[in-house]
Amino acid sequence: MMKNFREQLRTQRWDDHRYYHHSRINQSLHFVSAASFLIAYALLFVDPLAAALIGWLVSMTTRQAGHFFFEPRGYDHVNHATHDYKEEIKVGYNLNRKIVLMAIWALSPLVLFLDPTLFGVFTPWSSPADFMRQVAKVWLAIGIGGLLFRTVHLFFIRDVETGLVWMTKILTDPFSDLKLYYKSPLYLMRGELIDPGHDLIDHGVEARLSA
């Protein structure tokens, strides 16, 4: 059972890399995202609200900007797949789901500003510092909720193991992304906009992903 779990995890990571990380800009932004996520992970134990602010304002914005603005969306000749096909088979959040998630995140401070109690959940904020602390609490809840929602959703549309594998992948992505993309900023500075390794089966990447 654990062997199958690890194999599914390796497969999800490999598919994520080969389908959605062709752009060196996207890879570089994922490197920045991974590093800041690790800082946020460390802060979770001492200052969860600061972790939430870093996680959303730095880690998530850099990560999703790479997908929204820099990743090619034309026909994927490497994997022989259309963009629509890749969006359809995406295990986690595809672009449409990410738009919904990011919209909820972006609009939540406005809701809190208009209703300082957030429908009776909070004591009304009385200063900008209080406001930011409450925003951080909301963002922390959105992050946890978004992870759990898709995990449970996968339980029903796929199976329990797929959902648990995906949740494990998301939580450990900062570690694997750091190993995968730490050289991407250097390649980008050399003028390489697209990863040339995508035109071959990169056994080295597969080995790192399965390690």
Protein backbone atom coordinates (compact mmCIF):
# COMPACT_ATOMS: atom_id res chain seq x y z
CA MET A 1 0.00 0.00 0.00
CA MET A 2 2.80 2.45 0.89
CA LYS A 3 4.63 1.50 -2.30
CA ASN A 4 1.54 2.38 -4.35
CA PHE A 5 1.18 5.66 -2.41
CA ARG A 6 4.78 6.62 -3.21
CA GLU A 7 4.30 5.66 -6.84
CA GLN A 8 1.18 7.83 -7.13
CA LEU A 9 3.04 10.68 -5.46
CA ARG A 10 5.92 10.32 -7.91
CA THR A 11 3.48 10.24 -10.83
CA GLN A 12 1.57 13.33 -9.70
CA ARG A 13 4.81 15.25 -9.22
CA TRP A 14 6.20 14.18 -12.59
CA ASP A 15 2.94 15.04 -14.41
CA ASP A 16 2.87 18.43 -12.67
CA HIS A 17 6.42 19.17 -13.81
CA ARG A 18 6.16 17.98 -17.40
CA TYR A 19 2.72 19.46 -18.10
CA TYR A 20 2.81 22.76 -16.22
CA HIS A 21 6.41 23.95 -15.84
CA HIS A 22 7.88 24.56 -19.28
CA SER A 23 8.62 28.26 -18.73
CA ARG A 24 11.91 29.15 -17.04
CA ILE A 25 10.17 32.24 -15.62
CA ASN A 26 7.50 30.03 -14.10
CA GLN A 27 10.18 27.70 -12.72
CA SER A 28 12.10 30.64 -11.24
CA LEU A 29 8.97 32.00 -9.60
CA HIS A 30 8.32 28.53 -8.19
CA PHE A 31 11.83 28.59 -6.71
CA VAL A 32 11.05 31.91 -4.98
CA SER A 33 7.68 30.53 -3.89
CA ALA A 34 9.24 27.36 -2.49
CA ALA A 35 11.85 29.28 -0.48
CA SER A 36 9.25 31.63 1.00
CA PHE A 37 6.88 28.73 1.74
CA LEU A 38 9.62 27.05 3.78
CA ILE A 39 10.01 30.27 5.77
CA ALA A 40 6.23 30.30 6.27
CA TYR A 41 6.32 26.67 7.40
CA ALA A 42 8.91 27.54 10.05
CA LEU A 43 6.86 30.54 11.20
CA LEU A 44 3.74 28.42 11.61
CA PHE A 45 5.14 27.16 14.91
CA VAL A 46 5.89 30.61 16.33
CA ASP A 47 3.71 33.13 14.44
CA PRO A 48 0.95 31.54 12.32
CA LEU A 49 -0.42 34.92 11.25
CA ALA A 50 2.94 36.03 9.84
CA ALA A 51 3.16 32.66 8.12
CA ALA A 52 -0.23 33.26 6.49
CA LEU A 53 0.82 36.70 5.25
CA ILE A 54 4.06 35.39 3.74
CA GLY A 55 2.32 32.34 2.34
CA TRP A 56 -0.29 34.36 0.47
CA LEU A 57 1.46 37.65 -0.32
CA VAL A 58 4.75 36.10 -1.48
CA SER A 59 4.51 32.34 -1.94
CA MET A 60 1.10 32.03 -3.58
CA THR A 61 1.31 35.20 -5.68
CA THR A 62 4.69 34.28 -7.20
CA ARG A 63 3.62 30.68 -7.71
CA GLN A 64 0.33 31.48 -9.44
CA ALA A 65 1.72 34.41 -11.43
CA GLY A 66 4.05 31.94 -13.12
CA HIS A 67 1.12 29.80 -14.22
CA PHE A 68 -1.23 32.62 -15.18
CA PHE A 69 1.16 34.88 -17.09
CA PHE A 70 4.21 32.94 -18.28
CA GLU A 71 3.38 29.28 -18.83
CA PRO A 72 2.63 28.50 -22.52
CA ARG A 73 -1.00 27.62 -23.19
CA GLY A 74 -0.74 26.45 -26.78
CA TYR A 75 -0.53 22.89 -27.99
CA ASP A 76 2.01 20.93 -25.93
CA HIS A 77 4.07 19.15 -28.60
CA VAL A 78 6.28 17.54 -25.97
CA ASN A 79 3.44 15.71 -24.25
CA HIS A 80 1.10 15.69 -27.28
CA ALA A 81 -1.67 17.39 -25.33
CA THR A 82 -3.84 20.46 -25.75
CA HIS A 83 -4.14 23.04 -23.00
CA ASP A 84 -7.81 22.13 -22.55
CA TYR A 85 -6.92 18.46 -22.11
CA LYS A 86 -4.33 19.26 -19.44
CA GLU A 87 -6.84 21.47 -17.64
CA GLU A 88 -9.40 18.68 -17.73
CA ILE A 89 -7.12 15.99 -16.27
CA LYS A 90 -5.47 18.25 -13.67
CA VAL A 91 -5.68 16.47 -10.31
CA GLY A 92 -5.50 19.59 -8.19
CA TYR A 93 -6.49 23.17 -8.92
CA ASN A 94 -6.54 23.92 -12.64
CA LEU A 95 -6.54 27.53 -13.84
CA ASN A 96 -10.30 27.98 -13.53
CA ARG A 97 -10.30 26.62 -9.97
CA LYS A 98 -7.28 28.79 -9.14
CA ILE A 99 -9.13 31.87 -10.37
CA VAL A 100 -11.95 31.11 -7.94
CA LEU A 101 -9.53 30.47 -5.05
CA MET A 102 -7.47 33.59 -5.75
CA ALA A 103 -10.62 35.69 -6.11
CA ILE A 104 -11.82 34.53 -2.68
CA TRP A 105 -8.41 35.41 -1.25
CA ALA A 106 -8.26 38.83 -2.92
CA LEU A 107 -11.82 39.83 -1.97
CA SER A 108 -11.68 38.65 1.63
CA PRO A 109 -10.01 41.85 2.99
CA LEU A 110 -12.75 43.90 1.31
CA VAL A 111 -15.43 41.81 3.00
CA LEU A 112 -13.67 42.25 6.34
CA PHE A 113 -13.36 46.00 5.73
CA LEU A 114 -17.08 46.34 4.98
CA ASP A 115 -18.07 44.09 7.87
CA PRO A 116 -15.39 44.31 10.61
CA THR A 117 -17.03 41.45 12.53
CA LEU A 118 -17.08 39.17 9.45
CA PHE A 119 -20.67 38.13 10.12
CA GLY A 120 -20.07 37.97 13.86
CA VAL A 121 -16.88 35.92 13.82
CA PHE A 122 -14.49 38.67 14.96
CA THR A 123 -14.43 41.50 17.43
CA PRO A 124 -14.42 44.64 15.23
CA TRP A 125 -10.90 45.74 14.36
CA SER A 126 -9.89 49.14 15.73
CA SER A 127 -6.55 49.82 14.02
CA PRO A 128 -4.69 48.95 10.81
CA ALA A 129 -2.61 46.43 12.77
CA ASP A 130 -5.77 44.75 14.08
CA PHE A 131 -7.17 44.70 10.55
CA MET A 132 -4.07 42.96 9.17
CA ARG A 133 -4.12 40.39 11.97
CA GLN A 134 -7.72 39.55 11.18
CA VAL A 135 -6.95 39.41 7.45
CA ALA A 136 -4.14 36.99 8.23
CA LYS A 137 -6.56 34.80 10.20
CA VAL A 138 -8.97 34.76 7.26
CA TRP A 139 -6.16 33.93 4.81
CA LEU A 140 -4.94 31.12 7.05
CA ALA A 141 -8.47 29.69 7.08
CA ILE A 142 -8.76 30.03 3.29
CA GLY A 143 -5.45 28.21 2.80
CA ILE A 144 -6.40 25.33 5.07
CA GLY A 145 -9.94 25.26 3.68
CA GLY A 146 -8.75 25.23 0.08
CA LEU A 147 -6.44 22.30 0.77
CA LEU A 148 -9.03 20.27 2.63
CA PHE A 149 -11.85 21.07 0.20
CA ARG A 150 -10.00 19.73 -2.86
CA THR A 151 -8.68 16.74 -0.89
CA VAL A 152 -12.17 15.68 0.17
CA HIS A 153 -13.51 16.50 -3.30
CA LEU A 154 -10.96 14.06 -4.76
CA PHE A 155 -12.21 11.41 -2.32
CA PHE A 156 -15.54 11.48 -4.17
CA ILE A 157 -14.53 12.10 -7.80
CA ARG A 158 -11.44 9.85 -7.71
CA ASP A 159 -10.68 7.89 -4.53
CA VAL A 160 -9.36 8.45 -1.02
CA GLU A 161 -5.79 7.55 -1.88
CA THR A 162 -5.65 10.04 -4.76
CA GLY A 163 -6.88 12.79 -2.44
CA LEU A 164 -4.34 11.95 0.26
CA VAL A 165 -1.54 11.71 -2.29
CA TRP A 166 -2.46 15.12 -3.70
CA MET A 167 -2.56 16.69 -0.23
CA THR A 168 0.87 15.19 0.52
CA LYS A 169 2.20 16.52 -2.77
CA ILE A 170 0.93 20.04 -2.08
CA LEU A 171 2.39 20.12 1.43
CA THR A 172 5.78 18.83 0.25
CA ASP A 173 5.94 20.79 -3.03
CA PRO A 174 8.18 23.51 -1.53
CA PHE A 175 10.87 20.91 -0.83
CA SER A 176 10.67 19.23 -4.25
CA ASP A 177 10.36 22.56 -6.12
CA LEU A 178 13.46 23.89 -4.39
CA LYS A 179 15.44 20.88 -5.64
CA LEU A 180 13.94 20.98 -9.12
CA TYR A 181 14.14 24.67 -9.91
CA TYR A 182 17.10 26.10 -8.00
CA LYS A 183 19.06 26.48 -11.25
CA SER A 184 16.17 28.01 -13.20
CA PRO A 185 17.02 31.66 -12.35
CA LEU A 186 20.53 31.08 -13.72
CA TYR A 187 19.16 29.59 -16.95
CA LEU A 188 16.76 32.52 -17.20
CA MET A 189 19.58 35.04 -16.86
CA ARG A 190 21.27 33.26 -19.77
CA GLY A 191 18.23 34.04 -21.88
CA GLU A 192 16.64 30.58 -21.80
CA LEU A 193 12.88 31.14 -21.62
CA ILE A 194 11.73 27.55 -22.16
CA ASP A 195 13.19 24.47 -20.50
CA PRO A 196 14.84 22.48 -23.33
CA GLY A 197 14.70 19.35 -21.17
CA HIS A 198 11.00 19.08 -21.91
CA ASP A 199 11.75 17.73 -25.37
CA LEU A 200 13.29 14.63 -23.81
CA ILE A 201 12.32 12.20 -21.07
CA ASP A 202 14.43 13.56 -18.24
CA HIS A 203 15.31 10.49 -16.21
CA GLY A 204 17.36 12.63 -13.87
CA VAL A 205 14.29 14.67 -12.93
CA GLU A 206 12.24 11.49 -12.55
CA ALA A 207 14.87 10.12 -10.18
CA ARG A 208 14.86 13.28 -8.08
CA LEU A 209 11.08 13.30 -7.94
CA SER A 210 10.94 9.72 -6.74
CA ALA A 211 13.70 10.18 -4.15
